[in-house]
PDB file of N, CA and C in Angstrom:
ATOM      1  N   LEU A   1    -116.634 -36.589-101.640  1.00  0.00           N
ATOM      2  CA  LEU A   1    -116.193 -37.059-100.337  1.00  0.00           C
ATOM      3  C   LEU A   1    -114.750 -36.643-100.111  1.00  0.00           C
ATOM      4  N   ALA A   2    -114.420 -36.364 -98.851  1.00  0.00           N
ATOM      5  CA  ALA A   2    -113.045 -36.050 -98.486  1.00  0.00           C
ATOM      6  C   ALA A   2    -112.794 -36.546 -97.067  1.00  0.00           C
ATOM      7  N   PHE A   3    -111.589 -37.067 -96.845  1.00  0.00           N
ATOM      8  CA  PHE A   3    -111.169 -37.472 -95.507  1.00  0.00           C
ATOM      9  C   PHE A   3    -110.442 -36.320 -94.835  1.00  0.00           C
ATOM     10  N   ASP A   4    -110.523 -36.257 -93.496  1.00  0.00           N
ATOM     11  CA  ASP A   4    -109.696 -35.288 -92.776  1.00  0.00           C
ATOM     12  C   ASP A   4    -108.255 -35.799 -92.757  1.00  0.00           C
ATOM     13  N   GLU A   5    -107.337 -34.991 -92.212  1.00  0.00           N
ATOM     14  CA  GLU A   5    -105.913 -35.334 -92.250  1.00  0.00           C
ATOM     15  C   GLU A   5    -105.574 -36.593 -91.460  1.00  0.00           C
ATOM     16  N   ASN A   6    -106.378 -36.958 -90.485  1.00  0.00           N
ATOM     17  CA  ASN A   6    -106.148 -38.168 -89.685  1.00  0.00           C
ATOM     18  C   ASN A   6    -106.959 -39.363 -90.168  1.00  0.00           C
ATOM     19  N   GLU A   7    -107.759 -39.154 -91.201  1.00  0.00           N
ATOM     20  CA  GLU A   7    -108.642 -40.173 -91.769  1.00  0.00           C
ATOM     21  C   GLU A   7    -109.607 -40.746 -90.730  1.00  0.00           C
ATOM     22  N   ARG A   8    -110.046 -39.888 -89.810  1.00  0.00           N
ATOM     23  CA  ARG A   8    -111.031 -40.291 -88.801  1.00  0.00           C
ATOM     24  C   ARG A   8    -112.441 -39.863 -89.173  1.00  0.00           C
ATOM     25  N   HIS A   9    -112.534 -38.883 -90.067  1.00  0.00           N
ATOM     26  CA  HIS A   9    -113.833 -38.355 -90.472  1.00  0.00           C
ATOM     27  C   HIS A   9    -113.904 -38.229 -91.988  1.00  0.00           C
ATOM     28  N   ILE A  10    -115.085 -38.467 -92.512  1.00  0.00           N
ATOM     29  CA  ILE A  10    -115.384 -38.256 -93.926  1.00  0.00           C
ATOM     30  C   ILE A  10    -116.310 -37.053 -94.007  1.00  0.00           C
ATOM     31  N   TYR A  11    -116.048 -36.182 -94.958  1.00  0.00           N
ATOM     32  CA  TYR A  11    -116.904 -35.024 -95.205  1.00  0.00           C
ATOM     33  C   TYR A  11    -117.634 -35.280 -96.519  1.00  0.00           C
ATOM     34  N   SER A  12    -118.938 -35.373 -96.431  1.00  0.00           N
ATOM     35  CA  SER A  12    -119.767 -35.665 -97.593  1.00  0.00           C
ATOM     36  C   SER A  12    -120.566 -34.428 -97.984  1.00  0.00           C
ATOM     37  N   THR A  13    -120.329 -33.931 -99.203  1.00  0.00           N
ATOM     38  CA  THR A  13    -121.091 -32.774 -99.670  1.00  0.00           C
ATOM     39  C   THR A  13    -122.437 -33.244-100.197  1.00  0.00           C
ATOM     40  N   ASN A  14    -123.475 -32.506 -99.847  1.00  0.00           N
ATOM     41  CA  ASN A  14    -124.845 -32.841-100.230  1.00  0.00           C
ATOM     42  C   ASN A  14    -125.397 -31.689-101.061  1.00  0.00           C
ATOM     43  N   GLY A  15    -125.221 -31.794-102.367  1.00  0.00           N
ATOM     44  CA  GLY A  15    -125.542 -30.695-103.266  1.00  0.00           C
ATOM     45  C   GLY A  15    -126.987 -30.249-103.245  1.00  0.00           C
ATOM     46  N   ILE A  16    -127.899 -31.156-103.184  1.00  0.00           N
ATOM     47  CA  ILE A  16    -129.315 -30.802-103.233  1.00  0.00           C
ATOM     48  C   ILE A  16    -129.751 -30.071-101.968  1.00  0.00           C
ATOM     49  N   SER A  17    -129.292 -30.544-100.803  1.00  0.00           N
ATOM     50  CA  SER A  17    -129.721 -29.939 -99.536  1.00  0.00           C
ATOM     51  C   SER A  17    -128.830 -28.791 -99.075  1.00  0.00           C
ATOM     52  N   GLY A  18    -127.705 -28.560 -99.754  1.00  0.00           N
ATOM     53  CA  GLY A  18    -126.842 -27.430 -99.426  1.00  0.00           C
ATOM     54  C   GLY A  18    -126.115 -27.558 -98.104  1.00  0.00           C
ATOM     55  N   ASP A  19    -125.671 -28.784 -97.794  1.00  0.00           N
ATOM     56  CA  ASP A  19    -124.948 -28.969 -96.543  1.00  0.00           C
ATOM     57  C   ASP A  19    -123.825 -29.985 -96.698  1.00  0.00           C
ATOM     58  N   VAL A  20    -123.047 -30.138 -95.635  1.00  0.00           N
ATOM     59  CA  VAL A  20    -121.958 -31.109 -95.580  1.00  0.00           C
ATOM     60  C   VAL A  20    -122.181 -31.961 -94.336  1.00  0.00           C
ATOM     61  N   THR A  21    -122.130 -33.270 -94.506  1.00  0.00           N
ATOM     62  CA  THR A  21    -122.278 -34.181 -93.379  1.00  0.00           C
ATOM     63  C   THR A  21    -120.907 -34.711 -92.992  1.00  0.00           C
ATOM     64  N   ILE A  22    -120.614 -34.657 -91.694  1.00  0.00           N
ATOM     65  CA  ILE A  22    -119.363 -35.191 -91.161  1.00  0.00           C
ATOM     66  C   ILE A  22    -119.671 -36.573 -90.601  1.00  0.00           C
ATOM     67  N   ILE A  23    -118.928 -37.578 -91.080  1.00  0.00           N
ATOM     68  CA  ILE A  23    -119.187 -38.972 -90.727  1.00  0.00           C
ATOM     69  C   ILE A  23    -117.975 -39.547 -90.002  1.00  0.00           C
ATOM     70  N   ASN A  24    -118.200 -40.233 -88.881  1.00  0.00           N
ATOM     71  CA  ASN A  24    -117.145 -40.926 -88.157  1.00  0.00           C
ATOM     72  C   ASN A  24    -116.789 -42.190 -88.934  1.00  0.00           C
ATOM     73  N   VAL A  25    -115.520 -42.355 -89.299  1.00  0.00           N
ATOM     74  CA  VAL A  25    -115.103 -43.500 -90.105  1.00  0.00           C
ATOM     75  C   VAL A  25    -115.258 -44.808 -89.333  1.00  0.00           C
ATOM     76  N   ALA A  26    -114.913 -44.817 -88.056  1.00  0.00           N
ATOM     77  CA  ALA A  26    -114.968 -46.052 -87.268  1.00  0.00           C
ATOM     78  C   ALA A  26    -116.385 -46.602 -87.141  1.00  0.00           C
ATOM     79  N   SER A  27    -117.346 -45.723 -86.915  1.00  0.00           N
ATOM     80  CA  SER A  27    -118.728 -46.175 -86.709  1.00  0.00           C
ATOM     81  C   SER A  27    -119.598 -46.044 -87.957  1.00  0.00           C
ATOM     82  N   LEU A  28    -119.102 -45.286 -88.945  1.00  0.00           N
ATOM     83  CA  LEU A  28    -119.862 -44.970 -90.164  1.00  0.00           C
ATOM     84  C   LEU A  28    -121.190 -44.281 -89.844  1.00  0.00           C
ATOM     85  N   ARG A  29    -121.192 -43.511 -88.771  1.00  0.00           N
ATOM     86  CA  ARG A  29    -122.389 -42.758 -88.373  1.00  0.00           C
ATOM     87  C   ARG A  29    -122.136 -41.263 -88.516  1.00  0.00           C
ATOM     88  N   PRO A  30    -123.170 -40.521 -88.919  1.00  0.00           N
ATOM     89  CA  PRO A  30    -123.013 -39.070 -89.015  1.00  0.00           C
ATOM     90  C   PRO A  30    -122.808 -38.442 -87.639  1.00  0.00           C
ATOM     91  N   ILE A  31    -121.903 -37.471 -87.587  1.00  0.00           N
ATOM     92  CA  ILE A  31    -121.632 -36.739 -86.351  1.00  0.00           C
ATOM     93  C   ILE A  31    -122.378 -35.416 -86.350  1.00  0.00           C
ATOM     94  N   LYS A  32    -122.328 -34.739 -87.495  1.00  0.00           N
ATOM     95  CA  LYS A  32    -122.904 -33.398 -87.581  1.00  0.00           C
ATOM     96  C   LYS A  32    -123.170 -33.074 -89.042  1.00  0.00           C
ATOM     97  N   THR A  33    -124.170 -32.235 -89.274  1.00  0.00           N
ATOM     98  CA  THR A  33    -124.448 -31.709 -90.608  1.00  0.00           C
ATOM     99  C   THR A  33    -124.377 -30.192 -90.539  1.00  0.00           C
ATOM    100  N   LEU A  34    -123.607 -29.612 -91.459  1.00  0.00           N
ATOM    101  CA  LEU A  34    -123.387 -28.166 -91.487  1.00  0.00           C
ATOM    102  C   LEU A  34    -123.990 -27.559 -92.744  1.00  0.00           C
ATOM    103  N   LYS A  35    -124.811 -26.521 -92.587  1.00  0.00           N
ATOM    104  CA  LYS A  35    -125.317 -25.784 -93.744  1.00  0.00           C
ATOM    105  C   LYS A  35    -124.169 -24.971 -94.328  1.00  0.00           C
ATOM    106  N   VAL A  36    -123.958 -25.064 -95.638  1.00  0.00           N
ATOM    107  CA  VAL A  36    -122.843 -24.347 -96.271  1.00  0.00           C
ATOM    108  C   VAL A  36    -123.269 -23.475 -97.444  1.00  0.00           C
ATOM    109  N   GLY A  37    -124.503 -23.541 -97.835  1.00  0.00           N
ATOM    110  CA  GLY A  37    -124.949 -22.736 -98.968  1.00  0.00           C
ATOM    111  C   GLY A  37    -125.345 -23.610-100.144  1.00  0.00           C
ATOM    112  N   ARG A  38    -125.525 -22.957-101.264  1.00  0.00           N
ATOM    113  CA  ARG A  38    -126.071 -23.639-102.435  1.00  0.00           C
ATOM    114  C   ARG A  38    -125.067 -24.547-103.126  1.00  0.00           C
ATOM    115  N   PHE A  39    -125.484 -25.740-103.397  1.00  0.00           N
ATOM    116  CA  PHE A  39    -124.819 -26.700-104.275  1.00  0.00           C
ATOM    117  C   PHE A  39    -123.357 -27.010-103.954  1.00  0.00           C
ATOM    118  N   PRO A  40    -123.034 -27.461-102.755  1.00  0.00           N
ATOM    119  CA  PRO A  40    -121.654 -27.894-102.506  1.00  0.00           C
ATOM    120  C   PRO A  40    -121.394 -29.221-103.223  1.00  0.00           C
ATOM    121  N   TRP A  41    -120.517 -29.224-104.198  1.00  0.00           N
ATOM    122  CA  TRP A  41    -120.292 -30.429-104.999  1.00  0.00           C
ATOM    123  C   TRP A  41    -118.929 -31.064-104.773  1.00  0.00           C
ATOM    124  N   GLY A  42    -118.113 -30.534-103.894  1.00  0.00           N
ATOM    125  CA  GLY A  42    -116.796 -31.119-103.646  1.00  0.00           C
ATOM    126  C   GLY A  42    -116.216 -30.597-102.350  1.00  0.00           C
ATOM    127  N   ALA A  43    -115.166 -31.266-101.885  1.00  0.00           N
ATOM    128  CA  ALA A  43    -114.498 -30.844-100.655  1.00  0.00           C
ATOM    129  C   ALA A  43    -113.000 -31.029-100.821  1.00  0.00           C
ATOM    130  N   ALA A  44    -112.239 -30.146-100.206  1.00  0.00           N
ATOM    131  CA  ALA A  44    -110.778 -30.236-100.203  1.00  0.00           C
ATOM    132  C   ALA A  44    -110.275 -29.622 -98.904  1.00  0.00           C
ATOM    133  N   PHE A  45    -109.156 -30.112 -98.423  1.00  0.00           N
ATOM    134  CA  PHE A  45    -108.574 -29.591 -97.190  1.00  0.00           C
ATOM    135  C   PHE A  45    -107.319 -28.802 -97.490  1.00  0.00           C
ATOM    136  N   ARG A  46    -107.128 -27.737 -96.719  1.00  0.00           N
ATOM    137  CA  ARG A  46    -105.915 -26.928 -96.813  1.00  0.00           C
ATOM    138  C   ARG A  46    -105.001 -27.293 -95.653  1.00  0.00           C
ATOM    139  N   PRO A  47    -103.697 -27.201 -95.829  1.00  0.00           N
ATOM    140  CA  PRO A  47    -102.778 -27.590 -94.757  1.00  0.00           C
ATOM    141  C   PRO A  47    -102.843 -26.711 -93.521  1.00  0.00           C
ATOM    142  N   ASP A  48    -103.419 -25.529 -93.622  1.00  0.00           N
ATOM    143  CA  ASP A  48    -103.508 -24.662 -92.450  1.00  0.00           C
ATOM    144  C   ASP A  48    -104.823 -24.884 -91.771  1.00  0.00           C
TER     145      ASP A  48
END
């Protein structure tokens, strides 16, 4: 799991399904799921 820089969204990596789910922190509901490829096991943000 990783928070965005404003802590408004959580990014959850889903290793088995090969995607990342973006979750709204206020509502705890998924906003979008993005296919990213095989086995995403972590997330990190870059300052740019």
